[in-house]
C-alpha atoms as a PDB file:
ATOM      1  CA  MET A   1      -0.173 -17.077  12.784  1.00  0.00           C
ATOM      2  CA  THR A   2       3.043 -14.866  12.623  1.00  0.00           C
ATOM      3  CA  TRP A   3       6.582 -15.492  11.316  1.00  0.00           C
ATOM      4  CA  LEU A   4       8.399 -18.086  13.466  1.00  0.00           C
ATOM      5  CA  VAL A   5       5.015 -20.308  13.989  1.00  0.00           C
ATOM      6  CA  ARG A   6       3.630 -19.961  10.311  1.00  0.00           C
ATOM      7  CA  ASP A   7       3.610 -22.547   7.825  1.00  0.00           C
ATOM      8  CA  LYS A   8       5.509 -21.756   4.595  1.00  0.00           C
ATOM      9  CA  GLU A   9       3.354 -20.108   2.070  1.00  0.00           C
ATOM     10  CA  GLU A  10       3.551 -19.291  -1.588  1.00  0.00           C
ATOM     11  CA  GLN A  11       5.603 -16.529  -2.884  1.00  0.00           C
ATOM     12  CA  PRO A  12       3.852 -13.192  -2.504  1.00  0.00           C
ATOM     13  CA  ILE A  13       4.348 -12.101  -6.078  1.00  0.00           C
ATOM     14  CA  GLN A  14       2.726 -15.312  -7.272  1.00  0.00           C
ATOM     15  CA  LYS A  15      -0.194 -14.927  -4.860  1.00  0.00           C
ATOM     16  CA  LEU A  16      -0.879 -11.507  -5.903  1.00  0.00           C
ATOM     17  CA  ARG A  17      -0.735 -12.352  -9.697  1.00  0.00           C
ATOM     18  CA  GLN A  18      -3.282 -15.108  -8.980  1.00  0.00           C
ATOM     19  CA  LEU A  19      -5.604 -12.716  -7.124  1.00  0.00           C
ATOM     20  CA  LEU A  20      -5.381 -10.201 -10.039  1.00  0.00           C
ATOM     21  CA  GLU A  21      -5.991 -13.191 -12.688  1.00  0.00           C
ATOM     22  CA  GLN A  22      -8.567 -15.308 -10.734  1.00  0.00           C
ATOM     23  CA  ASN A  23     -10.709 -12.827  -8.637  1.00  0.00           C
ATOM     24  CA  GLN A  24     -14.017 -11.803 -10.424  1.00  0.00           C
ATOM     25  CA  SER A  25     -14.618  -9.177  -7.430  1.00  0.00           C
ATOM     26  CA  ILE A  26     -12.378  -6.113  -6.744  1.00  0.00           C
ATOM     27  CA  ILE A  27      -9.362  -6.646  -4.235  1.00  0.00           C
ATOM     28  CA  LYS A  28     -10.027  -4.412  -1.182  1.00  0.00           C
ATOM     29  CA  THR A  29      -6.584  -3.472  -0.040  1.00  0.00           C
ATOM     30  CA  PRO A  30      -6.124  -1.702   3.368  1.00  0.00           C
ATOM     31  CA  GLY A  31      -3.026   0.337   4.160  1.00  0.00           C
ATOM     32  CA  THR A  32      -0.948  -1.271   6.657  1.00  0.00           C
ATOM     33  CA  TYR A  33       1.931   0.923   7.840  1.00  0.00           C
ATOM     34  CA  ASP A  34       3.518  -1.515  10.264  1.00  0.00           C
ATOM     35  CA  PRO A  35       3.435  -5.248  11.300  1.00  0.00           C
ATOM     36  CA  LEU A  36       0.680  -5.006  13.796  1.00  0.00           C
ATOM     37  CA  THR A  37      -1.633  -3.094  11.207  1.00  0.00           C
ATOM     38  CA  GLY A  38      -0.887  -6.018   8.875  1.00  0.00           C
ATOM     39  CA  LEU A  39      -1.840  -8.903  11.235  1.00  0.00           C
ATOM     40  CA  LEU A  40      -5.063  -6.869  12.158  1.00  0.00           C
ATOM     41  CA  ALA A  41      -5.768  -6.670   8.383  1.00  0.00           C
ATOM     42  CA  LYS A  42      -5.034 -10.447   8.073  1.00  0.00           C
ATOM     43  CA  GLN A  43      -7.457 -11.312  10.982  1.00  0.00           C
ATOM     44  CA  GLU A  44     -10.214  -9.695   9.153  1.00  0.00           C
ATOM     45  CA  GLY A  45      -9.678 -11.742   6.055  1.00  0.00           C
ATOM     46  CA  PHE A  46      -8.048  -9.335   3.562  1.00  0.00           C
ATOM     47  CA  GLN A  47      -5.988 -10.919   0.915  1.00  0.00           C
ATOM     48  CA  ALA A  48      -3.425  -8.301   0.043  1.00  0.00           C
ATOM     49  CA  MET A  49      -2.197  -5.056   1.826  1.00  0.00           C
ATOM     50  CA  TYR A  50      -0.699  -1.561   0.862  1.00  0.00           C
ATOM     51  CA  LEU A  51       2.162  -0.005   2.446  1.00  0.00           C
ATOM     52  CA  SER A  52       1.551   3.853   1.622  1.00  0.00           C
ATOM     53  CA  GLY A  53       4.431   6.284   1.338  1.00  0.00           C
ATOM     54  CA  ALA A  54       2.322   8.827   3.107  1.00  0.00           C
ATOM     55  CA  ALA A  55       1.408   6.629   6.242  1.00  0.00           C
ATOM     56  CA  LEU A  56       4.887   5.342   6.589  1.00  0.00           C
ATOM     57  CA  THR A  57       6.435   8.857   6.718  1.00  0.00           C
ATOM     58  CA  ALA A  58       3.847  10.091   9.087  1.00  0.00           C
ATOM     59  CA  SER A  59       4.589   7.134  11.346  1.00  0.00           C
ATOM     60  CA  MET A  60       8.108   8.224  11.266  1.00  0.00           C
ATOM     61  CA  GLY A  61       6.930  11.880  12.153  1.00  0.00           C
ATOM     62  CA  TYR A  62       7.679  13.173   8.415  1.00  0.00           C
ATOM     63  CA  PRO A  63       5.360  14.879   6.035  1.00  0.00           C
ATOM     64  CA  ASP A  64       4.796  13.314   2.461  1.00  0.00           C
ATOM     65  CA  LEU A  65       7.329  14.984   0.647  1.00  0.00           C
ATOM     66  CA  GLY A  66       9.583  12.255  -0.413  1.00  0.00           C
ATOM     67  CA  LEU A  67      11.941  12.147   2.483  1.00  0.00           C
ATOM     68  CA  ILE A  68      12.100   8.562   3.418  1.00  0.00           C
ATOM     69  CA  THR A  69      15.034   6.472   2.231  1.00  0.00           C
ATOM     70  CA  LEU A  70      14.997   3.180   0.281  1.00  0.00           C
ATOM     71  CA  THR A  71      16.633   1.480   3.250  1.00  0.00           C
ATOM     72  CA  GLU A  72      13.629   2.590   5.503  1.00  0.00           C
ATOM     73  CA  LEU A  73      11.044   1.660   3.081  1.00  0.00           C
ATOM     74  CA  THR A  74      12.878  -1.796   2.456  1.00  0.00           C
ATOM     75  CA  GLN A  75      12.998  -2.496   6.210  1.00  0.00           C
ATOM     76  CA  ARG A  76       9.295  -1.599   6.811  1.00  0.00           C
ATOM     77  CA  THR A  77       8.389  -3.804   3.791  1.00  0.00           C
ATOM     78  CA  ARG A  78      10.205  -6.826   5.300  1.00  0.00           C
ATOM     79  CA  GLU A  79       8.857  -6.574   8.635  1.00  0.00           C
ATOM     80  CA  ILE A  80       5.067  -6.421   7.385  1.00  0.00           C
ATOM     81  CA  VAL A  81       5.543  -9.298   4.927  1.00  0.00           C
ATOM     82  CA  ARG A  82       7.590 -11.436   7.631  1.00  0.00           C
ATOM     83  CA  ALA A  83       4.698 -10.885  10.157  1.00  0.00           C
ATOM     84  CA  THR A  84       1.796 -11.562   7.834  1.00  0.00           C
ATOM     85  CA  GLY A  85       2.762 -13.659   4.787  1.00  0.00           C
ATOM     86  CA  LEU A  86       0.384 -11.588   2.670  1.00  0.00           C
ATOM     87  CA  PRO A  87       1.190  -9.947  -0.696  1.00  0.00           C
ATOM     88  CA  LEU A  88       2.268  -6.427  -0.082  1.00  0.00           C
ATOM     89  CA  VAL A  89       1.822  -3.474  -2.659  1.00  0.00           C
ATOM     90  CA  VAL A  90       4.761  -1.109  -1.823  1.00  0.00           C
ATOM     91  CA  ASP A  91       4.338   2.749  -2.632  1.00  0.00           C
ATOM     92  CA  ALA A  92       7.803   3.457  -3.790  1.00  0.00           C
ATOM     93  CA  ASP A  93       6.882   7.235  -4.728  1.00  0.00           C
ATOM     94  CA  THR A  94       8.967   8.596  -7.696  1.00  0.00           C
ATOM     95  CA  GLY A  95      11.488   5.250  -7.432  1.00  0.00           C
ATOM     96  CA  PHE A  96      14.075   7.109  -5.512  1.00  0.00           C
ATOM     97  CA  GLY A  97      15.536   8.853  -8.547  1.00  0.00           C
ATOM     98  CA  SER A  98      16.553   7.906 -12.069  1.00  0.00           C
ATOM     99  CA  VAL A  99      16.449   4.677 -13.841  1.00  0.00           C
ATOM    100  CA  LEU A 100      19.281   3.362 -11.899  1.00  0.00           C
ATOM    101  CA  ASN A 101      17.644   4.260  -8.597  1.00  0.00           C
ATOM    102  CA  VAL A 102      14.533   2.617  -9.745  1.00  0.00           C
ATOM    103  CA  THR A 103      16.549  -0.587 -10.744  1.00  0.00           C
ATOM    104  CA  ARG A 104      18.000  -0.831  -7.393  1.00  0.00           C
ATOM    105  CA  ALA A 105      14.513  -0.021  -5.506  1.00  0.00           C
ATOM    106  CA  VAL A 106      12.720  -2.687  -7.245  1.00  0.00           C
ATOM    107  CA  MET A 107      15.478  -5.392  -6.610  1.00  0.00           C
ATOM    108  CA  GLU A 108      15.690  -4.494  -2.848  1.00  0.00           C
ATOM    109  CA  LEU A 109      11.931  -4.526  -2.484  1.00  0.00           C
ATOM    110  CA  GLU A 110      11.615  -7.852  -4.122  1.00  0.00           C
ATOM    111  CA  GLU A 111      14.357  -9.280  -1.848  1.00  0.00           C
ATOM    112  CA  ALA A 112      12.382  -7.818   1.079  1.00  0.00           C
ATOM    113  CA  GLY A 113       9.397  -9.684   0.073  1.00  0.00           C
ATOM    114  CA  ALA A 114       7.008  -7.287  -1.626  1.00  0.00           C
ATOM    115  CA  ALA A 115       4.640  -8.431  -4.204  1.00  0.00           C
ATOM    116  CA  ALA A 116       4.238  -5.288  -6.149  1.00  0.00           C
ATOM    117  CA  VAL A 117       5.874  -1.886  -6.530  1.00  0.00           C
ATOM    118  CA  GLN A 118       3.900   1.365  -7.362  1.00  0.00           C
ATOM    119  CA  ILE A 119       5.862   4.001  -8.958  1.00  0.00           C
ATOM    120  CA  GLU A 120       4.647   7.399  -9.740  1.00  0.00           C
ATOM    121  CA  ASP A 121       5.326  10.198 -12.369  1.00  0.00           C
ATOM    122  CA  GLN A 122       5.593  13.006 -10.282  1.00  0.00           C
ATOM    123  CA  ASP A 123       8.800  15.168 -10.209  1.00  0.00           C
ATOM    124  CA  LEU A 124      10.761  16.013  -7.117  1.00  0.00           C
ATOM    125  CA  PRO A 125       9.655  17.278  -4.545  1.00  0.00           C
ATOM    126  CA  LYS A 126       6.687  15.080  -4.697  1.00  0.00           C
ATOM    127  CA  LYS A 127       3.362  16.050  -2.894  1.00  0.00           C
ATOM    128  CA  CYS A 128       0.444  14.062  -1.843  1.00  0.00           C
ATOM    129  CA  GLY A 129      -1.605  13.208  -4.959  1.00  0.00           C
ATOM    130  CA  HIS A 130      -4.673  15.146  -3.684  1.00  0.00           C
ATOM    131  CA  LEU A 131      -2.731  18.407  -3.381  1.00  0.00           C
ATOM    132  CA  ASN A 132      -2.347  21.301  -5.739  1.00  0.00           C
ATOM    133  CA  GLY A 133       1.228  22.290  -7.119  1.00  0.00           C
ATOM    134  CA  LYS A 134       2.319  18.989  -8.374  1.00  0.00           C
ATOM    135  CA  LYS A 135       4.675  18.648 -11.123  1.00  0.00           C
ATOM    136  CA  LEU A 136       5.356  15.699 -13.589  1.00  0.00           C
ATOM    137  CA  ILE A 137       8.358  14.381 -15.271  1.00  0.00           C
ATOM    138  CA  SER A 138       7.908  13.628 -18.948  1.00  0.00           C
ATOM    139  CA  THR A 139       6.192  10.527 -20.169  1.00  0.00           C
ATOM    140  CA  GLU A 140       9.445   9.367 -21.871  1.00  0.00           C
ATOM    141  CA  GLU A 141      11.327   9.585 -18.421  1.00  0.00           C
ATOM    142  CA  MET A 142       8.544   7.442 -16.655  1.00  0.00           C
ATOM    143  CA  VAL A 143       8.482   5.020 -19.528  1.00  0.00           C
ATOM    144  CA  GLN A 144      12.042   4.526 -18.981  1.00  0.00           C
ATOM    145  CA  LYS A 145      11.566   4.005 -15.168  1.00  0.00           C
ATOM    146  CA  ILE A 146       8.618   1.482 -15.721  1.00  0.00           C
ATOM    147  CA  GLN A 147      11.171  -0.302 -18.238  1.00  0.00           C
ATOM    148  CA  ALA A 148      13.971  -0.468 -15.896  1.00  0.00           C
ATOM    149  CA  ALA A 149      11.443  -1.880 -12.949  1.00  0.00           C
ATOM    150  CA  ARG A 150       9.988  -4.487 -15.398  1.00  0.00           C
ATOM    151  CA  GLU A 151      13.678  -5.652 -16.427  1.00  0.00           C
ATOM    152  CA  ALA A 152      15.068  -5.912 -12.951  1.00  0.00           C
ATOM    153  CA  SER A 153      12.374  -7.725 -11.186  1.00  0.00           C
ATOM    154  CA  SER A 154       9.411  -9.846 -11.257  1.00  0.00           C
ATOM    155  CA  LEU A 155       7.334  -7.634  -9.053  1.00  0.00           C
ATOM    156  CA  VAL A 156       3.802  -6.449 -10.163  1.00  0.00           C
ATOM    157  CA  ILE A 157       4.456  -2.998 -11.429  1.00  0.00           C
ATOM    158  CA  ILE A 158       1.792  -0.448 -10.688  1.00  0.00           C
ATOM    159  CA  ALA A 159       2.362   2.963 -12.706  1.00  0.00           C
ATOM    160  CA  ARG A 160       0.605   5.837 -10.971  1.00  0.00           C
ATOM    161  CA  THR A 161      -0.162   8.864 -12.903  1.00  0.00           C
ATOM    162  CA  ASP A 162      -0.815  12.241 -11.314  1.00  0.00           C
ATOM    163  CA  ALA A 163      -1.570  13.958 -14.795  1.00  0.00           C
ATOM    164  CA  LYS A 164      -5.328  14.294 -14.537  1.00  0.00           C
ATOM    165  CA  GLY A 165      -4.805  17.085 -11.960  1.00  0.00           C
ATOM    166  CA  VAL A 166      -2.004  18.704 -14.019  1.00  0.00           C
ATOM    167  CA  GLU A 167      -2.505  18.061 -17.604  1.00  0.00           C
ATOM    168  CA  GLY A 168      -6.043  17.000 -17.700  1.00  0.00           C
ATOM    169  CA  ILE A 169      -8.029  13.313 -18.033  1.00  0.00           C
ATOM    170  CA  GLU A 170      -6.852  13.085 -21.689  1.00  0.00           C
ATOM    171  CA  ALA A 171      -3.194  13.401 -20.940  1.00  0.00           C
ATOM    172  CA  ALA A 172      -3.646  10.932 -17.975  1.00  0.00           C
ATOM    173  CA  ILE A 173      -5.238   8.150 -20.307  1.00  0.00           C
ATOM    174  CA  GLU A 174      -2.559   8.844 -23.018  1.00  0.00           C
ATOM    175  CA  ARG A 175       0.123   8.313 -20.295  1.00  0.00           C
ATOM    176  CA  ALA A 176      -1.625   5.140 -19.345  1.00  0.00           C
ATOM    177  CA  HIS A 177      -1.379   3.477 -22.669  1.00  0.00           C
ATOM    178  CA  ALA A 178       2.328   4.379 -22.718  1.00  0.00           C
ATOM    179  CA  TYR A 179       2.953   2.979 -19.093  1.00  0.00           C
ATOM    180  CA  GLN A 180       1.238  -0.243 -19.960  1.00  0.00           C
ATOM    181  CA  ALA A 181       3.132  -0.599 -23.301  1.00  0.00           C
ATOM    182  CA  ALA A 182       6.376  -0.142 -21.272  1.00  0.00           C
ATOM    183  CA  GLY A 183       5.510  -3.121 -19.147  1.00  0.00           C
ATOM    184  CA  ALA A 184       3.314  -1.906 -16.169  1.00  0.00           C
ATOM    185  CA  ASP A 185       1.050  -4.655 -15.046  1.00  0.00           C
ATOM    186  CA  MET A 186      -1.702  -2.189 -13.570  1.00  0.00           C
ATOM    187  CA  VAL A 187      -2.231   1.536 -13.735  1.00  0.00           C
ATOM    188  CA  PHE A 188      -3.350   3.939 -10.832  1.00  0.00           C
ATOM    189  CA  PRO A 189      -5.038   7.258 -12.008  1.00  0.00           C
ATOM    190  CA  GLU A 190      -4.531   9.352  -8.916  1.00  0.00           C
ATOM    191  CA  ALA A 191      -7.213  11.981  -7.784  1.00  0.00           C
ATOM    192  CA  LEU A 192     -10.059  11.459 -10.072  1.00  0.00           C
ATOM    193  CA  GLU A 193     -12.920  13.467  -9.150  1.00  0.00           C
ATOM    194  CA  THR A 194     -16.161  12.091 -10.529  1.00  0.00           C
ATOM    195  CA  GLU A 195     -17.877   8.833 -11.534  1.00  0.00           C
ATOM    196  CA  GLU A 196     -17.673   9.892 -15.165  1.00  0.00           C
ATOM    197  CA  GLU A 197     -13.922  10.224 -14.811  1.00  0.00           C
ATOM    198  CA  PHE A 198     -13.495   6.697 -13.096  1.00  0.00           C
ATOM    199  CA  ARG A 199     -15.716   5.326 -15.967  1.00  0.00           C
ATOM    200  CA  ARG A 200     -14.013   7.178 -18.697  1.00  0.00           C
ATOM    201  CA  PHE A 201     -10.558   6.025 -17.731  1.00  0.00           C
ATOM    202  CA  ALA A 202     -11.501   2.339 -17.591  1.00  0.00           C
ATOM    203  CA  GLN A 203     -13.415   2.680 -20.715  1.00  0.00           C
ATOM    204  CA  GLU A 204     -10.660   4.132 -22.747  1.00  0.00           C
ATOM    205  CA  THR A 205      -7.581   1.851 -21.460  1.00  0.00           C
ATOM    206  CA  ASN A 206      -7.294  -1.890 -21.431  1.00  0.00           C
ATOM    207  CA  VAL A 207      -5.210  -2.405 -18.379  1.00  0.00           C
ATOM    208  CA  PRO A 208      -6.178  -3.569 -14.739  1.00  0.00           C
ATOM    209  CA  LEU A 209      -7.057  -0.393 -12.797  1.00  0.00           C
ATOM    210  CA  LEU A 210      -6.384   0.788  -9.314  1.00  0.00           C
ATOM    211  CA  ALA A 211      -8.475   3.147  -7.430  1.00  0.00           C
ATOM    212  CA  ASN A 212      -7.561   5.285  -4.592  1.00  0.00           C
ATOM    213  CA  MET A 213     -10.202   5.623  -1.732  1.00  0.00           C
ATOM    214  CA  THR A 214      -8.351   7.878   0.579  1.00  0.00           C
ATOM    215  CA  GLU A 215     -10.082  10.202   2.955  1.00  0.00           C
ATOM    216  CA  PHE A 216     -10.167  14.110   2.803  1.00  0.00           C
ATOM    217  CA  GLY A 217      -9.128  14.016  -0.766  1.00  0.00           C
ATOM    218  CA  ARG A 218     -10.561  15.009  -4.197  1.00  0.00           C
ATOM    219  CA  THR A 219     -12.343  11.842  -4.736  1.00  0.00           C
ATOM    220  CA  PRO A 220     -15.690  11.304  -3.212  1.00  0.00           C
ATOM    221  CA  TYR A 221     -16.456   8.372  -0.726  1.00  0.00           C
ATOM    222  CA  TYR A 222     -17.306   5.577  -3.376  1.00  0.00           C
ATOM    223  CA  THR A 223     -17.732   1.988  -2.426  1.00  0.00           C
ATOM    224  CA  ALA A 224     -15.741  -1.094  -3.264  1.00  0.00           C
ATOM    225  CA  ARG A 225     -18.627  -2.228  -5.394  1.00  0.00           C
ATOM    226  CA  GLN A 226     -19.029   0.761  -7.287  1.00  0.00           C
ATOM    227  CA  PHE A 227     -15.452   0.904  -8.298  1.00  0.00           C
ATOM    228  CA  GLU A 228     -15.847  -2.772  -9.346  1.00  0.00           C
ATOM    229  CA  GLN A 229     -18.836  -1.762 -11.601  1.00  0.00           C
ATOM    230  CA  TRP A 230     -16.792   0.715 -13.140  1.00  0.00           C
ATOM    231  CA  GLY A 231     -14.052  -1.650 -14.298  1.00  0.00           C
ATOM    232  CA  TYR A 232     -11.500  -1.460 -11.345  1.00  0.00           C
ATOM    233  CA  LYS A 233      -9.520  -4.350 -10.144  1.00  0.00           C
ATOM    234  CA  MET A 234      -8.143  -3.382  -6.815  1.00  0.00           C
ATOM    235  CA  VAL A 235      -9.156  -0.296  -4.390  1.00  0.00           C
ATOM    236  CA  ILE A 236      -6.747   0.776  -1.655  1.00  0.00           C
ATOM    237  CA  TYR A 237      -7.467   2.608   1.558  1.00  0.00           C
ATOM    238  CA  PRO A 238      -3.950   3.880   2.042  1.00  0.00           C
ATOM    239  CA  VAL A 239      -4.092   6.051   5.261  1.00  0.00           C
ATOM    240  CA  THR A 240      -7.301   5.094   6.837  1.00  0.00           C
ATOM    241  CA  ALA A 241      -5.677   2.816   9.536  1.00  0.00           C
ATOM    242  CA  LEU A 242      -2.960   5.395  10.805  1.00  0.00           C
ATOM    243  CA  ARG A 243      -5.792   8.211  10.689  1.00  0.00           C
ATOM    244  CA  ILE A 244      -8.239   6.334  12.818  1.00  0.00           C
ATOM    245  CA  ALA A 245      -5.326   5.076  15.102  1.00  0.00           C
ATOM    246  CA  ALA A 246      -3.741   8.673  15.586  1.00  0.00           C
ATOM    247  CA  HIS A 247      -7.251  10.208  16.304  1.00  0.00           C
ATOM    248  CA  ALA A 248      -7.930   7.556  18.989  1.00  0.00           C
ATOM    249  CA  ILE A 249      -4.465   7.742  20.508  1.00  0.00           C
ATOM    250  CA  GLN A 250      -4.817  11.529  20.693  1.00  0.00           C
ATOM    251  CA  GLU A 251      -8.347  11.357  22.416  1.00  0.00           C
ATOM    252  CA  VAL A 252      -7.206   8.959  25.199  1.00  0.00           C
ATOM    253  CA  PHE A 253      -3.682  10.903  25.670  1.00  0.00           C
ATOM    254  CA  ARG A 254      -5.919  13.949  26.104  1.00  0.00           C
ATOM    255  CA  ALA A 255      -8.052  12.394  28.457  1.00  0.00           C
ATOM    256  CA  ILE A 256      -5.235  11.207  30.549  1.00  0.00           C
ATOM    257  CA  GLN A 257      -3.731  14.880  30.541  1.00  0.00           C
ATOM    258  CA  GLN A 258      -6.937  16.227  31.747  1.00  0.00           C
ATOM    259  CA  THR A 259      -8.351  13.814  34.014  1.00  0.00           C
ATOM    260  CA  GLY A 260      -5.425  11.599  34.941  1.00  0.00           C
ATOM    261  CA  THR A 261      -7.064   8.402  33.897  1.00  0.00           C
ATOM    262  CA  GLN A 262      -7.850   6.320  30.941  1.00  0.00           C
ATOM    263  CA  ALA A 263     -10.869   4.513  32.314  1.00  0.00           C
ATOM    264  CA  GLU A 264     -13.418   5.870  30.083  1.00  0.00           C
ATOM    265  CA  TYR A 265     -11.636   4.588  27.017  1.00  0.00           C
ATOM    266  CA  VAL A 266     -11.069   0.947  28.257  1.00  0.00           C
ATOM    267  CA  GLN A 267     -14.136  -0.462  26.612  1.00  0.00           C
ATOM    268  CA  ALA A 268     -12.995   0.886  23.176  1.00  0.00           C
ATOM    269  CA  MET A 269      -9.457  -0.798  23.581  1.00  0.00           C
ATOM    270  CA  GLN A 270      -8.254  -4.068  22.252  1.00  0.00           C
ATOM    271  CA  THR A 271      -7.979  -6.464  25.201  1.00  0.00           C
ATOM    272  CA  ARG A 272      -5.019  -8.221  26.489  1.00  0.00           C
ATOM    273  CA  LYS A 273      -6.369 -11.570  25.208  1.00  0.00           C
ATOM    274  CA  GLN A 274      -7.071 -10.002  21.588  1.00  0.00           C
ATOM    275  CA  LEU A 275      -3.855  -8.557  21.431  1.00  0.00           C
ATOM    276  CA  TYR A 276      -2.224 -11.909  22.195  1.00  0.00           C
ATOM    277  CA  GLU A 277      -4.390 -13.642  19.498  1.00  0.00           C
ATOM    278  CA  THR A 278      -3.300 -11.160  16.945  1.00  0.00           C
ATOM    279  CA  ILE A 279       0.390 -11.444  17.369  1.00  0.00           C
ATOM    280  CA  GLY A 280       0.279 -15.204  17.991  1.00  0.00           C
ATOM    281  CA  TYR A 281       1.541 -15.146  21.426  1.00  0.00           C
ATOM    282  CA  PHE A 282       0.266 -18.598  22.511  1.00  0.00           C
ATOM    283  CA  SER A 283       1.683 -20.121  19.296  1.00  0.00           C
ATOM    284  CA  TYR A 284       5.145 -18.767  20.140  1.00  0.00           C
ATOM    285  CA  GLU A 285       4.720 -19.881  23.753  1.00  0.00           C
ATOM    286  CA  GLU A 286       3.753 -23.426  22.531  1.00  0.00           C
ATOM    287  CA  LEU A 287       6.984 -23.362  20.250  1.00  0.00           C
ATOM    288  CA  ASP A 288       9.150 -22.487  23.226  1.00  0.00           C
ATOM    289  CA  ASN A 289       7.702 -25.137  25.512  1.00  0.00           C
ATOM    290  CA  ARG A 290       8.099 -27.824  22.725  1.00  0.00           C
ATOM    291  CA  ILE A 291      11.506 -26.958  22.077  1.00  0.00           C
ATOM    292  CA  ALA A 292      12.493 -26.802  25.527  1.00  0.00           C
ATOM    293  CA  LYS A 293      10.900 -30.205  26.202  1.00  0.00           C
ATOM    294  CA  THR A 294      13.038 -31.577  23.355  1.00  0.00           C
ATOM    295  CA  VAL A 295      16.159 -30.365  24.883  1.00  0.00           C
ATOM    296  CA  LEU A 296      15.308 -31.905  27.974  1.00  0.00           C
END
């Protein structure tokens, strides 16, 4: 059920912390860039979701270069959490600036209902973690950002390091230790390329780890079970939903442009009944009817 007709649930931060502490198996976390994708994830039984900066910016027509504002990120966070009630991990990129900006960002996101915030150690202008030409801030500056986030909120703090592709795996592991000491609850080593690197990172750290199973990147297509066996606590699929939706939309638009009909794609569509079930249409209708009867 969705917002107006949903029973009150536990606080998202508490729910995510319980998942991280109690789950023996890895937490499969799909990227949900709007409330509808969040509801679809909930229908399929996922226990947590991920709001990708890349997916959000793409849905707004921008490239992933740190162009979105805190207000835009906070608003989308609020919409997804309100619709689903599930714990949402929010990609806050570089934290929107210096220590003070990070402080405000985490406070705003916690108020919006986020369960976790992810902050990365790239310098501006930031890039997709699987591209070349990334620049990093110093370990000291990132530590200060993590400390600020930890002091300002009770969110689960996920520290992403892009150091492997810039400074090497050893430097990435060193940064992970520093970030954990600063207060990070989890570490996200971005753009690892081999099973050996994933295993080594887990063996040489003692902090819950997040793996990124994005498409068309540097990481081969490993399964959630493999990441779990290597010592990872969560795996995200940040842009999967957006990519497959965009491809499907483009295909049907092309058909309409070329043939003047969408008929051959109807079998691949979500039906009206399925959509209504996803968004809780009949529960809203029932609520409306019940209130109307009460008034009468």
